[in-house]
């Protein structure tokens, strides 16, 4: 029993890391395209750092939840997706963005911390119509993968 639970947590961690990279890449690609064209294939590296931690925490927690609850309704998956989308967006738009910029730039001198902490929650709320369906897609896929 513990071995299966540990395997699911490991699956959640790997899934979170892989899909954090994919989500950051997709977000960056869409953003660059909307801004007038792709200038860099990989984009800004701080974005990858900002989403790595929340994805790497969210999916192992979800794996334990899904391990303990075999039959999760569609409504519950949407609720989980909404909560996860908001929390991941909030973290990655505030603390994650500051942390990622700090790693990339080597310090906090050039980071607008106050602006990031003010606008991060606003962006997290405004982007919910986009992030919730994306989270539902990822979490639904992950739910099927864990319950195989």
Protein backbone atom coordinates (compact mmCIF):
# COMPACT_ATOMS: atom_id res chain seq x y z
CA UNK A 1 0.00 0.00 0.00
CA UNK A 2 2.73 2.46 0.94
CA UNK A 3 4.74 1.47 -2.13
CA UNK A 4 1.83 2.33 -4.45
CA UNK A 5 1.26 5.64 -2.66
CA UNK A 6 4.96 6.50 -2.94
CA UNK A 7 4.92 5.59 -6.63
CA UNK A 8 1.94 7.88 -7.17
CA UNK A 9 3.70 10.74 -5.38
CA UNK A 10 6.73 10.16 -7.59
CA UNK A 11 4.45 10.15 -10.67
CA UNK A 12 2.97 13.42 -9.45
CA UNK A 13 6.40 14.99 -9.05
CA UNK A 14 7.57 13.90 -12.50
CA UNK A 15 4.26 14.98 -14.05
CA UNK A 16 4.51 18.36 -12.30
CA UNK A 17 8.07 19.00 -13.47
CA UNK A 18 7.40 17.95 -17.07
CA UNK A 19 4.16 19.88 -17.38
CA UNK A 20 5.58 22.96 -15.66
CA UNK A 21 8.10 23.16 -18.48
CA UNK A 22 5.40 22.54 -21.08
CA UNK A 23 3.00 25.10 -19.54
CA UNK A 24 5.71 27.77 -19.28
CA UNK A 25 6.73 27.14 -22.88
CA UNK A 26 3.13 27.30 -24.09
CA UNK A 27 2.39 30.47 -22.09
CA UNK A 28 5.57 32.11 -23.39
CA UNK A 29 4.86 31.09 -26.98
CA UNK A 30 1.30 32.43 -26.89
CA UNK A 31 2.46 35.65 -25.20
CA UNK A 32 5.21 36.26 -27.74
CA UNK A 33 2.88 35.54 -30.65
CA UNK A 34 0.28 37.97 -29.31
CA UNK A 35 2.99 40.59 -28.78
CA UNK A 36 3.98 40.54 -32.42
CA UNK A 37 6.20 37.54 -33.00
CA UNK A 38 8.42 34.93 -31.44
CA UNK A 39 11.77 36.51 -30.66
CA UNK A 40 13.24 33.63 -28.69
CA UNK A 41 12.25 29.98 -28.97
CA UNK A 42 12.68 29.23 -25.24
CA UNK A 43 11.69 32.70 -24.01
CA UNK A 44 12.50 34.06 -20.60
CA UNK A 45 14.05 31.48 -18.28
CA UNK A 46 12.58 33.10 -15.15
CA UNK A 47 9.16 31.89 -16.28
CA UNK A 48 10.27 28.26 -16.10
CA UNK A 49 11.58 28.77 -12.56
CA UNK A 50 8.39 30.54 -11.47
CA UNK A 51 6.08 27.62 -12.33
CA UNK A 52 8.39 24.74 -11.40
CA UNK A 53 7.76 24.91 -7.65
CA UNK A 54 3.94 25.20 -7.64
CA UNK A 55 3.53 22.43 -10.24
CA UNK A 56 6.01 20.23 -8.35
CA UNK A 57 4.02 20.66 -5.15
CA UNK A 58 0.49 20.52 -6.59
CA UNK A 59 0.67 17.24 -8.48
CA UNK A 60 2.21 15.09 -5.71
CA UNK A 61 -0.51 16.40 -3.36
CA UNK A 62 -3.16 15.60 -5.97
CA UNK A 63 -1.69 12.13 -6.41
CA UNK A 64 -2.19 11.39 -2.71
CA UNK A 65 -5.74 12.76 -2.87
CA UNK A 66 -6.59 10.73 -5.97
CA UNK A 67 -5.01 7.63 -4.42
CA UNK A 68 -7.32 7.94 -1.42
CA UNK A 69 -10.44 8.87 -3.46
CA UNK A 70 -10.88 6.52 -6.38
CA UNK A 71 -14.14 7.97 -7.74
CA UNK A 72 -13.94 11.73 -8.10
CA UNK A 73 -16.88 13.40 -9.83
CA UNK A 74 -16.55 15.79 -12.73
CA UNK A 75 -17.85 18.62 -10.52
CA UNK A 76 -15.17 17.88 -7.91
CA UNK A 77 -12.47 17.83 -10.62
CA UNK A 78 -13.63 21.29 -11.78
CA UNK A 79 -13.53 22.56 -8.19
CA UNK A 80 -10.05 21.15 -7.67
CA UNK A 81 -8.98 22.66 -10.99
CA UNK A 82 -10.27 26.10 -10.01
CA UNK A 83 -8.47 26.04 -6.67
CA UNK A 84 -5.23 24.72 -8.17
CA UNK A 85 -5.35 27.16 -11.10
CA UNK A 86 -5.74 30.10 -8.76
CA UNK A 87 -3.06 28.98 -6.29
CA UNK A 88 -0.53 28.04 -8.98
CA UNK A 89 -1.15 31.33 -10.84
CA UNK A 90 -0.94 33.30 -7.61
CA UNK A 91 2.32 31.70 -6.53
CA UNK A 92 3.95 31.77 -9.96
CA UNK A 93 2.85 35.37 -10.54
CA UNK A 94 4.22 36.65 -7.24
CA UNK A 95 6.76 34.64 -5.25
CA UNK A 96 7.65 32.43 -8.21
CA UNK A 97 8.26 35.41 -10.49
CA UNK A 98 10.46 37.11 -7.87
CA UNK A 99 12.31 33.87 -7.19
CA UNK A 100 12.79 33.17 -10.92
CA UNK A 101 14.02 36.70 -11.63
CA UNK A 102 16.37 36.48 -8.66
CA UNK A 103 17.92 33.27 -10.02
CA UNK A 104 18.22 34.60 -13.57
CA UNK A 105 19.52 38.08 -12.65
CA UNK A 106 21.61 37.03 -9.65
CA UNK A 107 19.98 39.38 -7.15
CA UNK A 108 16.89 41.39 -6.32
CA UNK A 109 18.22 44.86 -7.08
CA UNK A 110 16.57 45.10 -10.50
CA UNK A 111 13.26 43.45 -9.55
CA UNK A 112 10.10 45.48 -9.00
CA UNK A 113 9.01 43.49 -5.95
CA UNK A 114 6.17 45.81 -4.92
CA UNK A 115 4.70 45.85 -8.44
CA UNK A 116 4.99 42.08 -8.72
CA UNK A 117 3.23 41.54 -5.40
CA UNK A 118 0.44 43.95 -6.39
CA UNK A 119 -0.12 42.78 -9.97
CA UNK A 120 0.48 39.05 -9.46
CA UNK A 121 -2.83 38.47 -7.63
CA UNK A 122 -4.67 40.68 -10.12
CA UNK A 123 -3.33 38.64 -13.05
CA UNK A 124 -4.15 35.40 -11.20
CA UNK A 125 -7.78 36.48 -10.91
CA UNK A 126 -8.08 37.96 -14.41
CA UNK A 127 -6.59 34.87 -16.06
CA UNK A 128 -8.91 32.39 -14.30
CA UNK A 129 -11.12 31.93 -17.40
CA UNK A 130 -8.01 30.65 -19.19
CA UNK A 131 -6.19 28.87 -16.37
CA UNK A 132 -9.15 26.90 -14.99
CA UNK A 133 -9.90 24.99 -18.23
CA UNK A 134 -6.17 24.42 -18.75
CA UNK A 135 -5.86 23.11 -15.18
CA UNK A 136 -8.93 20.90 -15.69
CA UNK A 137 -7.35 19.42 -18.80
CA UNK A 138 -4.07 18.69 -17.00
CA UNK A 139 -5.70 17.44 -13.80
CA UNK A 140 -8.14 15.25 -15.73
CA UNK A 141 -5.28 13.67 -17.64
CA UNK A 142 -3.31 13.23 -14.43
CA UNK A 143 -6.33 11.70 -12.66
CA UNK A 144 -6.68 9.08 -15.40
CA UNK A 145 -2.95 8.39 -15.29
CA UNK A 146 -2.84 7.90 -11.50
CA UNK A 147 -5.92 5.67 -11.40
CA UNK A 148 -4.73 3.19 -14.02
